[in-house]
Amino acid sequence: MSSPKVWFITGTSSGFGRLMTEYALDKGDIVVATLRKPQVLSDLAARYSADKLLVLKVDVTKQEDIDKAFARTRSAFGRLDVVFNNAGYSIVTEIEGTPVHKAREIFETNFWGATNVSRAAVKFFREVNERGKGGTILQISSICGFHAFPQNALEGFTDSLERELPPSWNIKICIIEPGLFHTDVLNKAEVLPQHPAYTDESFASVIRRKLVGAVLEGDADKFTRTVYEVVQGGNIPKRLPMGLDAIELLNGKIELLKATVAETKGLSVDLRRDGGGIGIL
C-alpha cells in the first residue's frame, strides 16, 4: 500500500480549495491547508489530528508567509507531493472599466501570489524531497474570463517555468482550466460598476454579469474527484480543461490559431538573414 500523499493547498476557505482539502483528507492523505483566516477551518481542525491536517495562516501576497508555510511543511512532514495552487478571487467588470488599483490588487494575489508559491514549490521538490522524487504543481486557472487577465499571465508564466525545469527533477506542472462550476467563489466576487459603453445585452461582459448568483451547471464535487484521480494516476497533463464548455472554448481557440497560421505563414517565409544565424528551430 502506497504512503499517503502530502498536499499543500492554498485558498482553502472556500471553493475548489476547501473541496480538495476535504476530499484529500477523506481519502487518507495529509493536507497543509493555507488561508488568510484559519478559523474558517475550525471544523476540519477539530476532526483531524495534527499529523493529518496542518492549518496555516498565509496571505499569498506576502513572501514571508509563503516561506514560513513551506518551512512548517518541511518540519512537520519532511516531504511534499502536490501543490494545489488555488488562492485567488474574482472581480466582475470590463477591462476598460477596471480601476488601475483594482487591477494591481488582483494581480498581487492571482498572479504574483501564485507564481511565488510555484517557485517555493519547485525549490522544495528539488531540495527537500528525495533526489529525483519531484512533485506536482496544479495551477488553478480559468477558461471563462472572470479574472482572465491575471490568469492569462499565470498560464504564460507556468508554460515558461515548465520549459525551464529539467526532466531529472521530475517536477510536473498542470494548468487546470475549469469551465463554469458551481461554487461560492463567484457569488463572493467583487462586482464593479458597469462601464457605460458596455450595456448592450449581447456583449460578453453583460452576459458574465448575469452569471453572478446563478446556479452553474458544473458539479464542483465531481471536478474535485476527477482532479484527485488524475493526480493519483500519475499521468499529469500539461493542461487539463475541465467541463465540456471548457473543451469547446479550447477547441475554438485551437481553430482560430490554426486559421491564423494558415493565413499568415507566407509572410514569414523570407524573413531569415541572408548570411544565416542561430535559430530556435
C-alpha atoms as a PDB file:
ATOM      1  CA  MET A   1       0.000   0.000   0.000  1.00  0.00           C
ATOM      2  CA  SER A   2       1.413   3.394  -1.020  1.00  0.00           C
ATOM      3  CA  SER A   3       2.020   6.042   1.600  1.00  0.00           C
ATOM      4  CA  PRO A   4      -0.420   8.959   1.764  1.00  0.00           C
ATOM      5  CA  LYS A   5       0.405  11.999  -0.312  1.00  0.00           C
ATOM      6  CA  VAL A   6       1.179  15.335   1.303  1.00  0.00           C
ATOM      7  CA  TRP A   7      -0.821  18.179  -0.244  1.00  0.00           C
ATOM      8  CA  PHE A   8      -0.091  21.900   0.089  1.00  0.00           C
ATOM      9  CA  ILE A   9      -3.318  23.732  -0.764  1.00  0.00           C
ATOM     10  CA  THR A  10      -3.763  27.487  -0.966  1.00  0.00           C
ATOM     11  CA  GLY A  11      -7.069  29.317  -0.730  1.00  0.00           C
ATOM     12  CA  THR A  12      -8.781  26.659   1.384  1.00  0.00           C
ATOM     13  CA  SER A  13     -11.514  28.834   2.872  1.00  0.00           C
ATOM     14  CA  SER A  14     -13.983  28.086   0.072  1.00  0.00           C
ATOM     15  CA  GLY A  15     -14.437  26.827  -3.467  1.00  0.00           C
ATOM     16  CA  PHE A  16     -12.112  24.269  -5.010  1.00  0.00           C
ATOM     17  CA  GLY A  17      -9.525  24.772  -2.259  1.00  0.00           C
ATOM     18  CA  ARG A  18     -11.930  23.796   0.506  1.00  0.00           C
ATOM     19  CA  LEU A  19     -13.355  20.905  -1.513  1.00  0.00           C
ATOM     20  CA  MET A  20      -9.928  19.471  -2.353  1.00  0.00           C
ATOM     21  CA  THR A  21      -8.857  19.779   1.285  1.00  0.00           C
ATOM     22  CA  GLU A  22     -11.903  17.812   2.434  1.00  0.00           C
ATOM     23  CA  TYR A  23     -11.578  15.196  -0.298  1.00  0.00           C
ATOM     24  CA  ALA A  24      -7.859  14.551   0.168  1.00  0.00           C
ATOM     25  CA  LEU A  25      -8.337  14.190   3.922  1.00  0.00           C
ATOM     26  CA  ASP A  26     -11.264  11.830   3.401  1.00  0.00           C
ATOM     27  CA  LYS A  27      -9.039   9.699   1.163  1.00  0.00           C
ATOM     28  CA  GLY A  28      -6.424   9.417   3.906  1.00  0.00           C
ATOM     29  CA  ASP A  29      -3.931  11.936   2.565  1.00  0.00           C
ATOM     30  CA  ILE A  30      -2.168  14.675   4.536  1.00  0.00           C
ATOM     31  CA  VAL A  31      -3.044  18.313   3.905  1.00  0.00           C
ATOM     32  CA  VAL A  32      -1.279  21.571   4.652  1.00  0.00           C
ATOM     33  CA  ALA A  33      -4.217  23.968   4.324  1.00  0.00           C
ATOM     34  CA  THR A  34      -3.352  27.626   3.930  1.00  0.00           C
ATOM     35  CA  LEU A  35      -5.684  30.594   4.078  1.00  0.00           C
ATOM     36  CA  ARG A  36      -5.850  34.120   5.460  1.00  0.00           C
ATOM     37  CA  LYS A  37      -8.343  33.254   8.215  1.00  0.00           C
ATOM     38  CA  PRO A  38      -7.507  29.857   9.785  1.00  0.00           C
ATOM     39  CA  GLN A  39     -10.619  29.928  11.985  1.00  0.00           C
ATOM     40  CA  VAL A  40     -12.680  29.206   8.875  1.00  0.00           C
ATOM     41  CA  LEU A  41     -11.339  25.627   9.004  1.00  0.00           C
ATOM     42  CA  SER A  42     -12.013  25.123  12.716  1.00  0.00           C
ATOM     43  CA  ASP A  43     -14.494  22.339  11.923  1.00  0.00           C
ATOM     44  CA  LEU A  44     -11.881  20.349   9.997  1.00  0.00           C
ATOM     45  CA  ALA A  45      -9.184  21.077  12.583  1.00  0.00           C
ATOM     46  CA  ALA A  46     -11.452  19.569  15.237  1.00  0.00           C
ATOM     47  CA  ARG A  47     -11.975  16.392  13.180  1.00  0.00           C
ATOM     48  CA  TYR A  48      -8.395  15.683  12.085  1.00  0.00           C
ATOM     49  CA  SER A  49      -5.214  15.333  14.114  1.00  0.00           C
ATOM     50  CA  ALA A  50      -2.136  17.464  13.523  1.00  0.00           C
ATOM     51  CA  ASP A  51      -0.393  14.623  11.693  1.00  0.00           C
ATOM     52  CA  LYS A  52      -3.165  14.718   9.083  1.00  0.00           C
ATOM     53  CA  LEU A  53      -4.103  18.394   8.836  1.00  0.00           C
ATOM     54  CA  LEU A  54      -1.860  21.405   9.328  1.00  0.00           C
ATOM     55  CA  VAL A  55      -3.756  24.694   9.052  1.00  0.00           C
ATOM     56  CA  LEU A  56      -1.573  27.738   8.439  1.00  0.00           C
ATOM     57  CA  LYS A  57      -2.314  31.422   8.145  1.00  0.00           C
ATOM     58  CA  VAL A  58      -0.965  32.529   4.777  1.00  0.00           C
ATOM     59  CA  ASP A  59      -1.515  35.661   2.742  1.00  0.00           C
ATOM     60  CA  VAL A  60      -0.017  34.734  -0.633  1.00  0.00           C
ATOM     61  CA  THR A  61       0.784  38.386  -1.346  1.00  0.00           C
ATOM     62  CA  LYS A  62       3.384  38.183   1.459  1.00  0.00           C
ATOM     63  CA  GLN A  63       6.574  36.289   0.616  1.00  0.00           C
ATOM     64  CA  GLU A  64       7.395  35.745   4.282  1.00  0.00           C
ATOM     65  CA  ASP A  65       4.070  33.928   4.796  1.00  0.00           C
ATOM     66  CA  ILE A  66       4.810  31.632   1.856  1.00  0.00           C
ATOM     67  CA  ASP A  67       8.343  30.892   3.060  1.00  0.00           C
ATOM     68  CA  LYS A  68       7.167  30.136   6.604  1.00  0.00           C
ATOM     69  CA  ALA A  69       4.430  27.825   5.330  1.00  0.00           C
ATOM     70  CA  PHE A  70       6.856  25.722   3.291  1.00  0.00           C
ATOM     71  CA  ALA A  71       9.285  25.659   6.216  1.00  0.00           C
ATOM     72  CA  ARG A  72       6.489  24.405   8.502  1.00  0.00           C
ATOM     73  CA  THR A  73       5.612  21.767   5.917  1.00  0.00           C
ATOM     74  CA  ARG A  74       9.217  20.576   5.940  1.00  0.00           C
ATOM     75  CA  SER A  75       9.454  20.436   9.723  1.00  0.00           C
ATOM     76  CA  ALA A  76       6.088  18.718  10.118  1.00  0.00           C
ATOM     77  CA  PHE A  77       6.218  16.140   7.322  1.00  0.00           C
ATOM     78  CA  GLY A  78       9.656  16.271   5.688  1.00  0.00           C
ATOM     79  CA  ARG A  79       8.243  15.875   2.210  1.00  0.00           C
ATOM     80  CA  LEU A  80       5.642  17.253  -0.186  1.00  0.00           C
ATOM     81  CA  ASP A  81       3.887  15.647  -3.136  1.00  0.00           C
ATOM     82  CA  VAL A  82       1.270  18.027  -4.527  1.00  0.00           C
ATOM     83  CA  VAL A  83       0.803  21.792  -4.521  1.00  0.00           C
ATOM     84  CA  PHE A  84      -2.770  22.823  -5.337  1.00  0.00           C
ATOM     85  CA  ASN A  85      -2.197  26.477  -6.233  1.00  0.00           C
ATOM     86  CA  ASN A  86      -5.679  27.857  -5.866  1.00  0.00           C
ATOM     87  CA  ALA A  87      -5.673  31.104  -3.861  1.00  0.00           C
ATOM     88  CA  GLY A  88      -7.379  33.917  -5.703  1.00  0.00           C
ATOM     89  CA  TYR A  89     -10.554  35.884  -6.112  1.00  0.00           C
ATOM     90  CA  SER A  90     -12.725  37.316  -8.870  1.00  0.00           C
ATOM     91  CA  ILE A  91     -13.842  40.720  -9.943  1.00  0.00           C
ATOM     92  CA  VAL A  92     -16.672  41.128 -12.410  1.00  0.00           C
ATOM     93  CA  THR A  93     -16.100  44.099 -14.656  1.00  0.00           C
ATOM     94  CA  GLU A  94     -14.950  45.229 -18.064  1.00  0.00           C
ATOM     95  CA  ILE A  95     -11.234  45.692 -18.696  1.00  0.00           C
ATOM     96  CA  GLU A  96     -11.803  49.294 -19.722  1.00  0.00           C
ATOM     97  CA  GLY A  97     -13.789  49.930 -16.561  1.00  0.00           C
ATOM     98  CA  THR A  98     -11.290  48.371 -14.146  1.00  0.00           C
ATOM     99  CA  PRO A  99      -9.548  50.955 -11.954  1.00  0.00           C
ATOM    100  CA  VAL A 100      -5.784  50.535 -12.055  1.00  0.00           C
ATOM    101  CA  HIS A 101      -5.561  49.967  -8.292  1.00  0.00           C
ATOM    102  CA  LYS A 102      -8.112  47.143  -8.552  1.00  0.00           C
ATOM    103  CA  ALA A 103      -6.162  45.537 -11.390  1.00  0.00           C
ATOM    104  CA  ARG A 104      -2.945  45.738  -9.382  1.00  0.00           C
ATOM    105  CA  GLU A 105      -4.623  44.228  -6.320  1.00  0.00           C
ATOM    106  CA  ILE A 106      -5.953  41.189  -8.166  1.00  0.00           C
ATOM    107  CA  PHE A 107      -2.573  40.673  -9.853  1.00  0.00           C
ATOM    108  CA  GLU A 108      -0.873  40.672  -6.443  1.00  0.00           C
ATOM    109  CA  THR A 109      -2.990  37.689  -5.379  1.00  0.00           C
ATOM    110  CA  ASN A 110      -3.937  35.791  -8.519  1.00  0.00           C
ATOM    111  CA  PHE A 111      -0.636  36.211 -10.370  1.00  0.00           C
ATOM    112  CA  TRP A 112       2.230  37.140  -8.039  1.00  0.00           C
ATOM    113  CA  GLY A 113       0.851  35.063  -5.180  1.00  0.00           C
ATOM    114  CA  ALA A 114       0.555  32.000  -7.407  1.00  0.00           C
ATOM    115  CA  THR A 115       3.966  32.494  -9.029  1.00  0.00           C
ATOM    116  CA  ASN A 116       5.719  32.897  -5.691  1.00  0.00           C
ATOM    117  CA  VAL A 117       4.059  29.744  -4.347  1.00  0.00           C
ATOM    118  CA  SER A 118       5.145  27.956  -7.539  1.00  0.00           C
ATOM    119  CA  ARG A 119       8.772  28.992  -7.138  1.00  0.00           C
ATOM    120  CA  ALA A 120       8.783  27.916  -3.494  1.00  0.00           C
ATOM    121  CA  ALA A 121       7.256  24.577  -4.515  1.00  0.00           C
ATOM    122  CA  VAL A 122       9.939  23.954  -7.135  1.00  0.00           C
ATOM    123  CA  LYS A 123      12.663  24.641  -4.575  1.00  0.00           C
ATOM    124  CA  PHE A 124      11.030  22.284  -2.048  1.00  0.00           C
ATOM    125  CA  PHE A 125      10.598  19.484  -4.590  1.00  0.00           C
ATOM    126  CA  ARG A 126      14.239  19.807  -5.692  1.00  0.00           C
ATOM    127  CA  GLU A 127      16.000  20.386  -2.371  1.00  0.00           C
ATOM    128  CA  VAL A 128      13.830  18.773   0.336  1.00  0.00           C
ATOM    129  CA  ASN A 129      12.240  15.744  -1.295  1.00  0.00           C
ATOM    130  CA  GLU A 130      14.377  12.712  -2.049  1.00  0.00           C
ATOM    131  CA  ARG A 131      16.539  13.272  -5.116  1.00  0.00           C
ATOM    132  CA  GLY A 132      14.517  12.708  -8.272  1.00  0.00           C
ATOM    133  CA  LYS A 133      11.217  12.257  -6.433  1.00  0.00           C
ATOM    134  CA  GLY A 134       9.961  15.621  -7.647  1.00  0.00           C
ATOM    135  CA  GLY A 135       6.359  16.616  -7.178  1.00  0.00           C
ATOM    136  CA  THR A 136       3.290  18.049  -8.868  1.00  0.00           C
ATOM    137  CA  ILE A 137       2.064  21.639  -9.132  1.00  0.00           C
ATOM    138  CA  LEU A 138      -1.583  22.123 -10.055  1.00  0.00           C
ATOM    139  CA  GLN A 139      -2.231  25.686 -11.224  1.00  0.00           C
ATOM    140  CA  ILE A 140      -5.907  26.583 -10.964  1.00  0.00           C
ATOM    141  CA  SER A 141      -6.629  28.940 -13.825  1.00  0.00           C
ATOM    142  CA  SER A 142      -9.883  29.766 -15.600  1.00  0.00           C
ATOM    143  CA  ILE A 143     -11.119  29.443 -19.141  1.00  0.00           C
ATOM    144  CA  CYS A 144     -14.151  31.676 -18.710  1.00  0.00           C
ATOM    145  CA  GLY A 145     -12.597  35.058 -18.181  1.00  0.00           C
ATOM    146  CA  PHE A 146     -13.980  36.252 -14.846  1.00  0.00           C
ATOM    147  CA  HIS A 147     -10.435  37.225 -13.885  1.00  0.00           C
ATOM    148  CA  ALA A 148      -8.850  36.456 -17.224  1.00  0.00           C
ATOM    149  CA  PHE A 149      -6.050  38.983 -17.329  1.00  0.00           C
ATOM    150  CA  PRO A 150      -4.057  37.706 -14.299  1.00  0.00           C
ATOM    151  CA  GLN A 151      -4.908  34.093 -15.155  1.00  0.00           C
ATOM    152  CA  ASN A 152      -3.647  34.503 -18.711  1.00  0.00           C
ATOM    153  CA  ALA A 153      -0.427  35.911 -17.267  1.00  0.00           C
ATOM    154  CA  LEU A 154      -0.219  32.959 -14.860  1.00  0.00           C
ATOM    155  CA  GLU A 155      -0.583  30.493 -17.715  1.00  0.00           C
ATOM    156  CA  GLY A 156       2.235  32.219 -19.606  1.00  0.00           C
ATOM    157  CA  PHE A 157       4.439  32.067 -16.506  1.00  0.00           C
ATOM    158  CA  THR A 158       3.585  28.405 -15.973  1.00  0.00           C
ATOM    159  CA  ASP A 159       4.400  27.457 -19.571  1.00  0.00           C
ATOM    160  CA  SER A 160       7.778  29.200 -19.257  1.00  0.00           C
ATOM    161  CA  LEU A 161       8.517  27.590 -15.893  1.00  0.00           C
ATOM    162  CA  GLU A 162       7.656  24.125 -17.178  1.00  0.00           C
ATOM    163  CA  ARG A 163      10.064  24.511 -20.111  1.00  0.00           C
ATOM    164  CA  GLU A 164      12.890  25.570 -17.778  1.00  0.00           C
ATOM    165  CA  LEU A 165      12.687  22.549 -15.478  1.00  0.00           C
ATOM    166  CA  PRO A 166      14.990  19.647 -16.419  1.00  0.00           C
ATOM    167  CA  PRO A 167      13.314  16.218 -16.642  1.00  0.00           C
ATOM    168  CA  SER A 168      15.698  14.838 -13.991  1.00  0.00           C
ATOM    169  CA  TRP A 169      13.953  16.925 -11.323  1.00  0.00           C
ATOM    170  CA  ASN A 170      10.695  15.064 -12.075  1.00  0.00           C
ATOM    171  CA  ILE A 171       8.533  18.126 -11.361  1.00  0.00           C
ATOM    172  CA  LYS A 172       5.211  18.046 -13.189  1.00  0.00           C
ATOM    173  CA  ILE A 173       3.111  21.159 -13.719  1.00  0.00           C
ATOM    174  CA  CYS A 174      -0.507  21.121 -14.833  1.00  0.00           C
ATOM    175  CA  ILE A 175      -2.622  24.146 -15.722  1.00  0.00           C
ATOM    176  CA  ILE A 176      -6.214  23.311 -14.783  1.00  0.00           C
ATOM    177  CA  GLU A 177      -8.758  25.342 -16.738  1.00  0.00           C
ATOM    178  CA  PRO A 178     -12.230  24.938 -15.230  1.00  0.00           C
ATOM    179  CA  GLY A 179     -15.343  25.890 -17.123  1.00  0.00           C
ATOM    180  CA  LEU A 180     -18.422  27.023 -15.221  1.00  0.00           C
ATOM    181  CA  PHE A 181     -18.591  25.121 -11.922  1.00  0.00           C
ATOM    182  CA  HIS A 182     -20.969  25.976  -9.123  1.00  0.00           C
ATOM    183  CA  THR A 183     -19.064  27.104  -6.041  1.00  0.00           C
ATOM    184  CA  ASP A 184     -19.489  30.046  -3.704  1.00  0.00           C
ATOM    185  CA  VAL A 185     -16.477  31.842  -5.182  1.00  0.00           C
ATOM    186  CA  LEU A 186     -18.280  33.705  -7.967  1.00  0.00           C
ATOM    187  CA  ASN A 187     -21.038  34.790  -5.597  1.00  0.00           C
ATOM    188  CA  LYS A 188     -18.313  36.354  -3.441  1.00  0.00           C
ATOM    189  CA  ALA A 189     -16.816  38.182  -6.411  1.00  0.00           C
ATOM    190  CA  GLU A 190     -16.475  41.932  -6.284  1.00  0.00           C
ATOM    191  CA  VAL A 191     -18.859  43.367  -8.864  1.00  0.00           C
ATOM    192  CA  LEU A 192     -17.650  46.748 -10.106  1.00  0.00           C
ATOM    193  CA  PRO A 193     -19.906  49.392 -11.674  1.00  0.00           C
ATOM    194  CA  GLN A 194     -20.732  48.734 -15.295  1.00  0.00           C
ATOM    195  CA  HIS A 195     -18.860  50.840 -17.837  1.00  0.00           C
ATOM    196  CA  PRO A 196     -21.459  52.926 -19.717  1.00  0.00           C
ATOM    197  CA  ALA A 197     -20.112  51.834 -23.113  1.00  0.00           C
ATOM    198  CA  TYR A 198     -20.744  48.152 -22.337  1.00  0.00           C
ATOM    199  CA  THR A 199     -24.502  47.940 -21.738  1.00  0.00           C
ATOM    200  CA  ASP A 200     -25.565  46.106 -24.893  1.00  0.00           C
ATOM    201  CA  GLU A 201     -27.212  42.814 -23.873  1.00  0.00           C
ATOM    202  CA  SER A 202     -25.201  40.903 -26.484  1.00  0.00           C
ATOM    203  CA  PHE A 203     -21.815  41.946 -25.065  1.00  0.00           C
ATOM    204  CA  ALA A 204     -19.758  39.256 -23.338  1.00  0.00           C
ATOM    205  CA  SER A 205     -19.262  41.381 -20.223  1.00  0.00           C
ATOM    206  CA  VAL A 206     -23.029  41.799 -19.792  1.00  0.00           C
ATOM    207  CA  ILE A 207     -23.554  38.049 -20.095  1.00  0.00           C
ATOM    208  CA  ARG A 208     -20.846  37.421 -17.475  1.00  0.00           C
ATOM    209  CA  ARG A 209     -22.551  39.775 -15.048  1.00  0.00           C
ATOM    210  CA  LYS A 210     -25.755  37.721 -15.283  1.00  0.00           C
ATOM    211  CA  LEU A 211     -23.891  34.635 -14.043  1.00  0.00           C
ATOM    212  CA  VAL A 212     -23.293  36.149 -10.607  1.00  0.00           C
ATOM    213  CA  GLY A 213     -25.748  34.451  -8.261  1.00  0.00           C
ATOM    214  CA  ALA A 214     -26.843  31.904 -10.883  1.00  0.00           C
ATOM    215  CA  VAL A 215     -26.761  28.140 -10.422  1.00  0.00           C
ATOM    216  CA  LEU A 216     -23.962  26.976 -12.699  1.00  0.00           C
ATOM    217  CA  GLU A 217     -24.078  23.592 -14.409  1.00  0.00           C
ATOM    218  CA  GLY A 218     -20.669  22.262 -13.396  1.00  0.00           C
ATOM    219  CA  ASP A 219     -20.554  19.978 -10.337  1.00  0.00           C
ATOM    220  CA  ALA A 220     -17.634  21.127  -8.160  1.00  0.00           C
ATOM    221  CA  ASP A 221     -17.559  17.845  -6.232  1.00  0.00           C
ATOM    222  CA  LYS A 222     -17.144  15.887  -9.466  1.00  0.00           C
ATOM    223  CA  PHE A 223     -14.410  18.324 -10.509  1.00  0.00           C
ATOM    224  CA  THR A 224     -12.588  17.659  -7.241  1.00  0.00           C
ATOM    225  CA  ARG A 225     -12.831  13.881  -7.540  1.00  0.00           C
ATOM    226  CA  THR A 226     -11.620  13.942 -11.136  1.00  0.00           C
ATOM    227  CA  VAL A 227      -8.581  16.111 -10.393  1.00  0.00           C
ATOM    228  CA  TYR A 228      -7.707  13.899  -7.433  1.00  0.00           C
ATOM    229  CA  GLU A 229      -7.934  10.787  -9.619  1.00  0.00           C
ATOM    230  CA  VAL A 230      -5.671  12.378 -12.242  1.00  0.00           C
ATOM    231  CA  VAL A 231      -3.062  13.034  -9.547  1.00  0.00           C
ATOM    232  CA  GLN A 232      -3.352   9.518  -8.193  1.00  0.00           C
ATOM    233  CA  GLY A 233      -2.957   8.075 -11.689  1.00  0.00           C
ATOM    234  CA  GLY A 234       0.372   9.846 -12.114  1.00  0.00           C
ATOM    235  CA  ASN A 235      -0.188  10.758 -15.767  1.00  0.00           C
ATOM    236  CA  ILE A 236      -0.205  14.533 -15.318  1.00  0.00           C
ATOM    237  CA  PRO A 237      -1.106  16.517 -18.466  1.00  0.00           C
ATOM    238  CA  LYS A 238       0.394  19.945 -19.055  1.00  0.00           C
ATOM    239  CA  ARG A 239      -3.128  21.309 -19.460  1.00  0.00           C
ATOM    240  CA  LEU A 240      -6.390  19.998 -18.075  1.00  0.00           C
ATOM    241  CA  PRO A 241      -9.542  21.708 -19.353  1.00  0.00           C
ATOM    242  CA  MET A 242     -12.439  20.692 -17.118  1.00  0.00           C
ATOM    243  CA  GLY A 243     -16.014  20.637 -18.387  1.00  0.00           C
ATOM    244  CA  LEU A 244     -17.441  20.347 -21.886  1.00  0.00           C
ATOM    245  CA  ASP A 245     -17.761  24.129 -22.003  1.00  0.00           C
ATOM    246  CA  ALA A 246     -14.040  24.442 -21.353  1.00  0.00           C
ATOM    247  CA  ILE A 247     -13.303  21.865 -24.056  1.00  0.00           C
ATOM    248  CA  GLU A 248     -15.484  23.739 -26.545  1.00  0.00           C
ATOM    249  CA  LEU A 249     -13.816  27.068 -25.805  1.00  0.00           C
ATOM    250  CA  LEU A 250     -10.386  25.458 -26.137  1.00  0.00           C
ATOM    251  CA  ASN A 251     -11.356  23.891 -29.458  1.00  0.00           C
ATOM    252  CA  GLY A 252     -12.441  27.305 -30.676  1.00  0.00           C
ATOM    253  CA  LYS A 253      -9.077  28.765 -29.699  1.00  0.00           C
ATOM    254  CA  ILE A 254      -7.250  25.932 -31.491  1.00  0.00           C
ATOM    255  CA  GLU A 255      -9.216  26.519 -34.697  1.00  0.00           C
ATOM    256  CA  LEU A 256      -8.523  30.255 -34.508  1.00  0.00           C
ATOM    257  CA  LEU A 257      -4.788  29.644 -34.086  1.00  0.00           C
ATOM    258  CA  LYS A 258      -4.740  27.174 -36.969  1.00  0.00           C
ATOM    259  CA  ALA A 259      -6.501  29.704 -39.191  1.00  0.00           C
ATOM    260  CA  THR A 260      -4.034  32.395 -38.153  1.00  0.00           C
ATOM    261  CA  VAL A 261      -1.062  30.173 -39.059  1.00  0.00           C
ATOM    262  CA  ALA A 262      -2.561  29.332 -42.446  1.00  0.00           C
ATOM    263  CA  GLU A 263      -3.319  32.982 -43.190  1.00  0.00           C
ATOM    264  CA  THR A 264      -0.001  34.483 -42.109  1.00  0.00           C
ATOM    265  CA  LYS A 265       2.641  31.793 -42.720  1.00  0.00           C
ATOM    266  CA  GLY A 266       3.532  33.165 -46.128  1.00  0.00           C
ATOM    267  CA  LEU A 267       4.593  36.461 -44.586  1.00  0.00           C
ATOM    268  CA  SER A 268       7.367  34.720 -42.626  1.00  0.00           C
ATOM    269  CA  VAL A 269       8.882  32.562 -45.374  1.00  0.00           C
ATOM    270  CA  ASP A 270      11.607  35.032 -46.399  1.00  0.00           C
ATOM    271  CA  LEU A 271      12.487  36.740 -43.114  1.00  0.00           C
ATOM    272  CA  ARG A 272      15.819  34.995 -42.374  1.00  0.00           C
ATOM    273  CA  ARG A 273      19.135  36.840 -42.702  1.00  0.00           C
ATOM    274  CA  ASP A 274      20.924  36.144 -45.981  1.00  0.00           C
ATOM    275  CA  GLY A 275      24.131  35.413 -44.074  1.00  0.00           C
ATOM    276  CA  GLY A 276      22.467  32.911 -41.755  1.00  0.00           C
ATOM    277  CA  GLY A 277      22.440  32.807 -37.972  1.00  0.00           C
ATOM    278  CA  ILE A 278      21.241  30.844 -34.966  1.00  0.00           C
ATOM    279  CA  GLY A 279      17.569  29.987 -34.682  1.00  0.00           C
ATOM    280  CA  ILE A 280      15.424  28.134 -32.150  1.00  0.00           C
ATOM    281  CA  LEU A 281      14.065  25.585 -34.612  1.00  0.00           C
END
